[in-house]
PDB file of N, CA and C in Angstrom:
ATOM      1  N   UNK A   1      12.326  25.646  27.158  1.00  0.00           N
ATOM      2  CA  UNK A   1      10.908  25.859  26.544  1.00  0.00           C
ATOM      3  C   UNK A   1      10.875  24.333  25.934  1.00  0.00           C
ATOM      4  N   UNK A   2      12.124  24.101  26.020  1.00  0.00           N
ATOM      5  CA  UNK A   2      12.766  23.010  24.494  1.00  0.00           C
ATOM      6  C   UNK A   2      12.459  21.948  25.516  1.00  0.00           C
ATOM      7  N   UNK A   3      12.819  21.878  26.977  1.00  0.00           N
ATOM      8  CA  UNK A   3      13.007  20.219  27.750  1.00  0.00           C
ATOM      9  C   UNK A   3      10.938  20.276  27.878  1.00  0.00           C
ATOM     10  N   UNK A   4      10.280  21.003  28.057  1.00  0.00           N
ATOM     11  CA  UNK A   4       8.697  21.118  28.335  1.00  0.00           C
ATOM     12  C   UNK A   4       8.875  20.892  26.646  1.00  0.00           C
ATOM     13  N   UNK A   5       8.283  21.050  25.216  1.00  0.00           N
ATOM     14  CA  UNK A   5       8.020  20.674  24.072  1.00  0.00           C
ATOM     15  C   UNK A   5       8.319  19.388  24.693  1.00  0.00           C
ATOM     16  N   UNK A   6       9.464  19.050  24.433  1.00  0.00           N
ATOM     17  CA  UNK A   6      10.074  17.595  24.332  1.00  0.00           C
ATOM     18  C   UNK A   6       9.435  16.353  25.258  1.00  0.00           C
ATOM     19  N   UNK A   7       9.107  16.729  26.778  1.00  0.00           N
ATOM     20  CA  UNK A   7       7.666  15.669  28.099  1.00  0.00           C
ATOM     21  C   UNK A   7       6.580  15.993  27.647  1.00  0.00           C
ATOM     22  N   UNK A   8       5.886  17.229  26.576  1.00  0.00           N
ATOM     23  CA  UNK A   8       4.798  17.464  26.024  1.00  0.00           C
ATOM     24  C   UNK A   8       4.509  16.446  24.992  1.00  0.00           C
ATOM     25  N   UNK A   9       5.454  16.119  24.107  1.00  0.00           N
ATOM     26  CA  UNK A   9       5.914  14.576  23.198  1.00  0.00           C
ATOM     27  C   UNK A   9       5.646  13.504  23.758  1.00  0.00           C
ATOM     28  N   UNK A  10       6.994  13.616  24.441  1.00  0.00           N
ATOM     29  CA  UNK A  10       6.739  12.123  25.057  1.00  0.00           C
ATOM     30  C   UNK A  10       5.825  11.440  26.463  1.00  0.00           C
ATOM     31  N   UNK A  11       4.745  12.577  26.382  1.00  0.00           N
ATOM     32  CA  UNK A  11       3.601  11.693  27.562  1.00  0.00           C
ATOM     33  C   UNK A  11       2.859  11.715  26.184  1.00  0.00           C
ATOM     34  N   UNK A  12       2.254  12.258  25.029  1.00  0.00           N
ATOM     35  CA  UNK A  12       1.589  12.451  24.172  1.00  0.00           C
ATOM     36  C   UNK A  12       1.796  10.928  23.107  1.00  0.00           C
ATOM     37  N   UNK A  13       2.795  10.624  23.618  1.00  0.00           N
ATOM     38  CA  UNK A  13       3.766   8.899  22.677  1.00  0.00           C
ATOM     39  C   UNK A  13       3.122   8.223  23.774  1.00  0.00           C
ATOM     40  N   UNK A  14       3.260   7.991  25.281  1.00  0.00           N
ATOM     41  CA  UNK A  14       3.006   7.521  26.552  1.00  0.00           C
ATOM     42  C   UNK A  14       1.815   7.297  26.410  1.00  0.00           C
ATOM     43  N   UNK A  15       0.758   7.448  26.164  1.00  0.00           N
ATOM     44  CA  UNK A  15      -0.581   7.693  26.224  1.00  0.00           C
ATOM     45  C   UNK A  15      -0.962   7.887  24.897  1.00  0.00           C
ATOM     46  N   UNK A  16       0.249   6.989  23.794  1.00  0.00           N
ATOM     47  CA  UNK A  16      -0.527   6.591  22.985  1.00  0.00           C
ATOM     48  C   UNK A  16      -1.287   7.427  21.815  1.00  0.00           C
ATOM     49  N   UNK A  17      -1.010   8.774  21.998  1.00  0.00           N
ATOM     50  CA  UNK A  17      -1.550  10.039  20.516  1.00  0.00           C
ATOM     51  C   UNK A  17      -0.654  10.002  20.058  1.00  0.00           C
ATOM     52  N   UNK A  18      -1.283   8.975  18.258  1.00  0.00           N
ATOM     53  CA  UNK A  18      -0.318   8.819  17.743  1.00  0.00           C
ATOM     54  C   UNK A  18       0.135  10.993  16.660  1.00  0.00           C
ATOM     55  N   UNK A  19      -0.671  12.278  16.900  1.00  0.00           N
ATOM     56  CA  UNK A  19      -0.750  13.637  16.650  1.00  0.00           C
ATOM     57  C   UNK A  19      -1.138  13.842  17.410  1.00  0.00           C
ATOM     58  N   UNK A  20       0.047  14.322  18.402  1.00  0.00           N
ATOM     59  CA  UNK A  20      -0.678  15.127  19.244  1.00  0.00           C
ATOM     60  C   UNK A  20      -0.355  16.606  19.325  1.00  0.00           C
ATOM     61  N   UNK A  21      -1.317  18.312  19.114  1.00  0.00           N
ATOM     62  CA  UNK A  21      -0.961  19.497  18.645  1.00  0.00           C
ATOM     63  C   UNK A  21       0.887  20.128  18.728  1.00  0.00           C
ATOM     64  N   UNK A  22       0.471  20.483  18.185  1.00  0.00           N
ATOM     65  CA  UNK A  22       1.467  21.194  18.249  1.00  0.00           C
ATOM     66  C   UNK A  22       1.768  22.328  18.832  1.00  0.00           C
ATOM     67  N   UNK A  23       2.916  22.299  19.568  1.00  0.00           N
ATOM     68  CA  UNK A  23       2.184  23.948  20.501  1.00  0.00           C
ATOM     69  C   UNK A  23       3.075  25.493  19.188  1.00  0.00           C
ATOM     70  N   UNK A  24       2.866  25.740  19.279  1.00  0.00           N
ATOM     71  CA  UNK A  24       3.684  27.189  18.455  1.00  0.00           C
ATOM     72  C   UNK A  24       3.959  28.071  19.201  1.00  0.00           C
ATOM     73  N   UNK A  25       5.537  28.824  18.276  1.00  0.00           N
ATOM     74  CA  UNK A  25       6.370  29.540  18.780  1.00  0.00           C
ATOM     75  C   UNK A  25       6.262  30.646  20.154  1.00  0.00           C
ATOM     76  N   UNK A  26       4.480  30.821  19.854  1.00  0.00           N
ATOM     77  CA  UNK A  26       4.389  31.417  21.239  1.00  0.00           C
ATOM     78  C   UNK A  26       4.180  31.728  22.762  1.00  0.00           C
ATOM     79  N   UNK A  27       4.703  29.704  22.665  1.00  0.00           N
ATOM     80  CA  UNK A  27       4.703  28.814  23.759  1.00  0.00           C
ATOM     81  C   UNK A  27       6.320  30.138  24.255  1.00  0.00           C
ATOM     82  N   UNK A  28       5.965  30.315  25.737  1.00  0.00           N
ATOM     83  CA  UNK A  28       6.458  30.494  26.704  1.00  0.00           C
ATOM     84  C   UNK A  28       6.900  30.349  27.885  1.00  0.00           C
ATOM     85  N   UNK A  29       7.175  31.153  28.732  1.00  0.00           N
ATOM     86  CA  UNK A  29       7.805  31.434  30.401  1.00  0.00           C
ATOM     87  C   UNK A  29       6.999  32.372  30.795  1.00  0.00           C
ATOM     88  N   UNK A  30       6.450  32.078  31.699  1.00  0.00           N
ATOM     89  CA  UNK A  30       5.072  33.027  33.072  1.00  0.00           C
ATOM     90  C   UNK A  30       5.294  33.177  34.134  1.00  0.00           C
ATOM     91  N   UNK A  31       5.225  34.119  34.750  1.00  0.00           N
ATOM     92  CA  UNK A  31       5.383  33.550  36.616  1.00  0.00           C
ATOM     93  C   UNK A  31       3.351  34.359  36.948  1.00  0.00           C
ATOM     94  N   UNK A  32       3.143  33.612  37.647  1.00  0.00           N
ATOM     95  CA  UNK A  32       2.232  33.637  38.757  1.00  0.00           C
ATOM     96  C   UNK A  32       2.371  33.445  39.863  1.00  0.00           C
ATOM     97  N   UNK A  33       1.328  33.948  41.346  1.00  0.00           N
ATOM     98  CA  UNK A  33       2.068  33.381  41.915  1.00  0.00           C
ATOM     99  C   UNK A  33       3.423  33.144  43.155  1.00  0.00           C
ATOM    100  N   UNK A  34       4.318  34.285  42.405  1.00  0.00           N
ATOM    101  CA  UNK A  34       6.277  33.657  43.321  1.00  0.00           C
ATOM    102  C   UNK A  34       6.696  32.672  42.247  1.00  0.00           C
ATOM    103  N   UNK A  35       5.998  31.823  41.035  1.00  0.00           N
ATOM    104  CA  UNK A  35       6.061  31.023  40.675  1.00  0.00           C
ATOM    105  C   UNK A  35       6.179  30.709  39.695  1.00  0.00           C
ATOM    106  N   UNK A  36       7.661  30.128  38.711  1.00  0.00           N
ATOM    107  CA  UNK A  36       7.340  30.216  36.826  1.00  0.00           C
ATOM    108  C   UNK A  36       7.239  29.436  36.459  1.00  0.00           C
ATOM    109  N   UNK A  37       6.239  29.002  34.989  1.00  0.00           N
ATOM    110  CA  UNK A  37       5.664  27.588  34.256  1.00  0.00           C
ATOM    111  C   UNK A  37       6.054  28.003  32.981  1.00  0.00           C
ATOM    112  N   UNK A  38       5.862  27.191  32.521  1.00  0.00           N
ATOM    113  CA  UNK A  38       6.283  27.388  30.745  1.00  0.00           C
ATOM    114  C   UNK A  38       4.815  26.960  30.224  1.00  0.00           C
ATOM    115  N   UNK A  39       4.788  27.437  29.477  1.00  0.00           N
ATOM    116  CA  UNK A  39       3.030  27.476  29.187  1.00  0.00           C
ATOM    117  C   UNK A  39       3.542  26.829  27.279  1.00  0.00           C
ATOM    118  N   UNK A  40       3.021  25.822  26.537  1.00  0.00           N
ATOM    119  CA  UNK A  40       2.767  24.817  25.665  1.00  0.00           C
ATOM    120  C   UNK A  40       1.481  25.625  25.293  1.00  0.00           C
ATOM    121  N   UNK A  41       1.161  26.782  23.673  1.00  0.00           N
ATOM    122  CA  UNK A  41      -0.136  27.292  23.731  1.00  0.00           C
ATOM    123  C   UNK A  41       0.125  26.995  22.217  1.00  0.00           C
ATOM    124  N   UNK A  42      -0.987  26.693  21.658  1.00  0.00           N
ATOM    125  CA  UNK A  42      -0.841  27.484  20.075  1.00  0.00           C
ATOM    126  C   UNK A  42      -2.333  27.965  19.652  1.00  0.00           C
ATOM    127  N   UNK A  43      -3.198  27.996  18.860  1.00  0.00           N
ATOM    128  CA  UNK A  43      -3.973  27.731  18.422  1.00  0.00           C
ATOM    129  C   UNK A  43      -5.456  28.351  19.025  1.00  0.00           C
ATOM    130  N   UNK A  44      -5.270  26.920  18.935  1.00  0.00           N
ATOM    131  CA  UNK A  44      -6.357  26.163  19.855  1.00  0.00           C
ATOM    132  C   UNK A  44      -6.751  26.973  21.414  1.00  0.00           C
ATOM    133  N   UNK A  45      -5.745  27.108  21.209  1.00  0.00           N
ATOM    134  CA  UNK A  45      -6.162  27.527  23.210  1.00  0.00           C
ATOM    135  C   UNK A  45      -3.956  27.129  23.992  1.00  0.00           C
ATOM    136  N   UNK A  46      -4.484  26.658  25.301  1.00  0.00           N
ATOM    137  CA  UNK A  46      -3.895  25.893  26.035  1.00  0.00           C
ATOM    138  C   UNK A  46      -3.165  24.358  25.620  1.00  0.00           C
ATOM    139  N   UNK A  47      -2.806  23.915  25.370  1.00  0.00           N
ATOM    140  CA  UNK A  47      -1.964  22.514  25.714  1.00  0.00           C
ATOM    141  C   UNK A  47      -2.032  21.820  26.829  1.00  0.00           C
ATOM    142  N   UNK A  48      -0.725  22.376  27.385  1.00  0.00           N
ATOM    143  CA  UNK A  48      -0.555  21.914  28.652  1.00  0.00           C
ATOM    144  C   UNK A  48       0.389  22.968  29.606  1.00  0.00           C
ATOM    145  N   UNK A  49       0.451  23.015  31.120  1.00  0.00           N
ATOM    146  CA  UNK A  49       1.856  24.034  31.644  1.00  0.00           C
ATOM    147  C   UNK A  49       2.355  22.867  32.226  1.00  0.00           C
ATOM    148  N   UNK A  50       3.796  23.863  33.174  1.00  0.00           N
ATOM    149  CA  UNK A  50       4.613  22.948  33.201  1.00  0.00           C
ATOM    150  C   UNK A  50       4.756  23.560  34.330  1.00  0.00           C
ATOM    151  N   UNK A  51       4.638  23.470  35.932  1.00  0.00           N
ATOM    152  CA  UNK A  51       5.641  24.238  36.939  1.00  0.00           C
ATOM    153  C   UNK A  51       6.586  23.951  36.561  1.00  0.00           C
ATOM    154  N   UNK A  52       7.454  25.098  37.181  1.00  0.00           N
ATOM    155  CA  UNK A  52       9.824  25.375  36.742  1.00  0.00           C
ATOM    156  C   UNK A  52       9.868  24.792  38.802  1.00  0.00           C
ATOM    157  N   UNK A  53      10.074  23.879  38.589  1.00  0.00           N
ATOM    158  CA  UNK A  53      10.286  23.775  40.242  1.00  0.00           C
ATOM    159  C   UNK A  53      11.849  24.092  40.443  1.00  0.00           C
ATOM    160  N   UNK A  54      12.602  24.999  41.765  1.00  0.00           N
ATOM    161  CA  UNK A  54      13.246  25.577  41.952  1.00  0.00           C
ATOM    162  C   UNK A  54      14.362  24.238  41.793  1.00  0.00           C
ATOM    163  N   UNK A  55      13.676  23.769  41.634  1.00  0.00           N
ATOM    164  CA  UNK A  55      15.637  22.926  41.531  1.00  0.00           C
ATOM    165  C   UNK A  55      15.370  22.406  40.281  1.00  0.00           C
ATOM    166  N   UNK A  56      15.109  23.395  39.292  1.00  0.00           N
ATOM    167  CA  UNK A  56      14.612  22.685  38.359  1.00  0.00           C
ATOM    168  C   UNK A  56      13.847  22.535  37.039  1.00  0.00           C
ATOM    169  N   UNK A  57      13.243  20.667  37.629  1.00  0.00           N
ATOM    170  CA  UNK A  57      12.571  19.815  37.517  1.00  0.00           C
ATOM    171  C   UNK A  57      11.162  20.684  36.861  1.00  0.00           C
ATOM    172  N   UNK A  58      10.706  19.631  36.167  1.00  0.00           N
ATOM    173  CA  UNK A  58       8.682  20.572  35.035  1.00  0.00           C
ATOM    174  C   UNK A  58       7.879  19.119  35.924  1.00  0.00           C
ATOM    175  N   UNK A  59       6.629  19.891  36.131  1.00  0.00           N
ATOM    176  CA  UNK A  59       6.202  19.216  37.075  1.00  0.00           C
ATOM    177  C   UNK A  59       4.815  19.244  35.366  1.00  0.00           C
ATOM    178  N   UNK A  60       3.982  18.577  35.294  1.00  0.00           N
ATOM    179  CA  UNK A  60       2.902  18.818  34.271  1.00  0.00           C
ATOM    180  C   UNK A  60       1.806  19.494  35.942  1.00  0.00           C
ATOM    181  N   UNK A  61       1.199  20.249  34.922  1.00  0.00           N
ATOM    182  CA  UNK A  61      -0.263  21.081  35.900  1.00  0.00           C
ATOM    183  C   UNK A  61      -1.410  20.170  35.484  1.00  0.00           C
ATOM    184  N   UNK A  62      -2.476  19.786  36.500  1.00  0.00           N
ATOM    185  CA  UNK A  62      -3.795  19.306  35.760  1.00  0.00           C
ATOM    186  C   UNK A  62      -5.010  20.616  35.931  1.00  0.00           C
ATOM    187  N   UNK A  63      -4.296  21.548  36.635  1.00  0.00           N
ATOM    188  CA  UNK A  63      -4.757  22.717  36.848  1.00  0.00           C
ATOM    189  C   UNK A  63      -3.563  23.907  37.320  1.00  0.00           C
ATOM    190  N   UNK A  64      -4.451  24.527  36.328  1.00  0.00           N
ATOM    191  CA  UNK A  64      -3.457  25.829  36.810  1.00  0.00           C
ATOM    192  C   UNK A  64      -3.866  27.171  37.102  1.00  0.00           C
ATOM    193  N   UNK A  65      -3.234  28.255  37.634  1.00  0.00           N
ATOM    194  CA  UNK A  65      -3.565  29.484  37.534  1.00  0.00           C
ATOM    195  C   UNK A  65      -4.287  29.636  36.827  1.00  0.00           C
ATOM    196  N   UNK A  66      -4.873  30.520  37.294  1.00  0.00           N
ATOM    197  CA  UNK A  66      -5.987  31.237  35.451  1.00  0.00           C
ATOM    198  C   UNK A  66      -6.261  32.294  34.713  1.00  0.00           C
ATOM    199  N   UNK A  67      -4.639  32.910  36.127  1.00  0.00           N
ATOM    200  CA  UNK A  67      -3.530  34.435  35.050  1.00  0.00           C
ATOM    201  C   UNK A  67      -3.170  33.454  33.313  1.00  0.00           C
ATOM    202  N   UNK A  68      -2.909  32.568  34.310  1.00  0.00           N
ATOM    203  CA  UNK A  68      -1.669  31.529  33.035  1.00  0.00           C
ATOM    204  C   UNK A  68      -2.561  31.771  31.445  1.00  0.00           C
ATOM    205  N   UNK A  69      -4.237  32.078  31.347  1.00  0.00           N
ATOM    206  CA  UNK A  69      -4.598  31.195  30.576  1.00  0.00           C
ATOM    207  C   UNK A  69      -4.961  32.554  29.113  1.00  0.00           C
TER     208      UNK A  69
END
């Protein structure tokens, strides 16, 4: 999860967002369709979802499985 948090804030900095929404502590790793996902969320909903690939690399998703919401 620490890698997902770091990727989220790095992307926000790259996009020029000076104050991105803060993910909550209830963000977690979830499974769906046989794949693992790092789901970052807060009281406003899902902020970002990263698929955890077999080699351990995180890939940010624009669209994610509905069961992760």
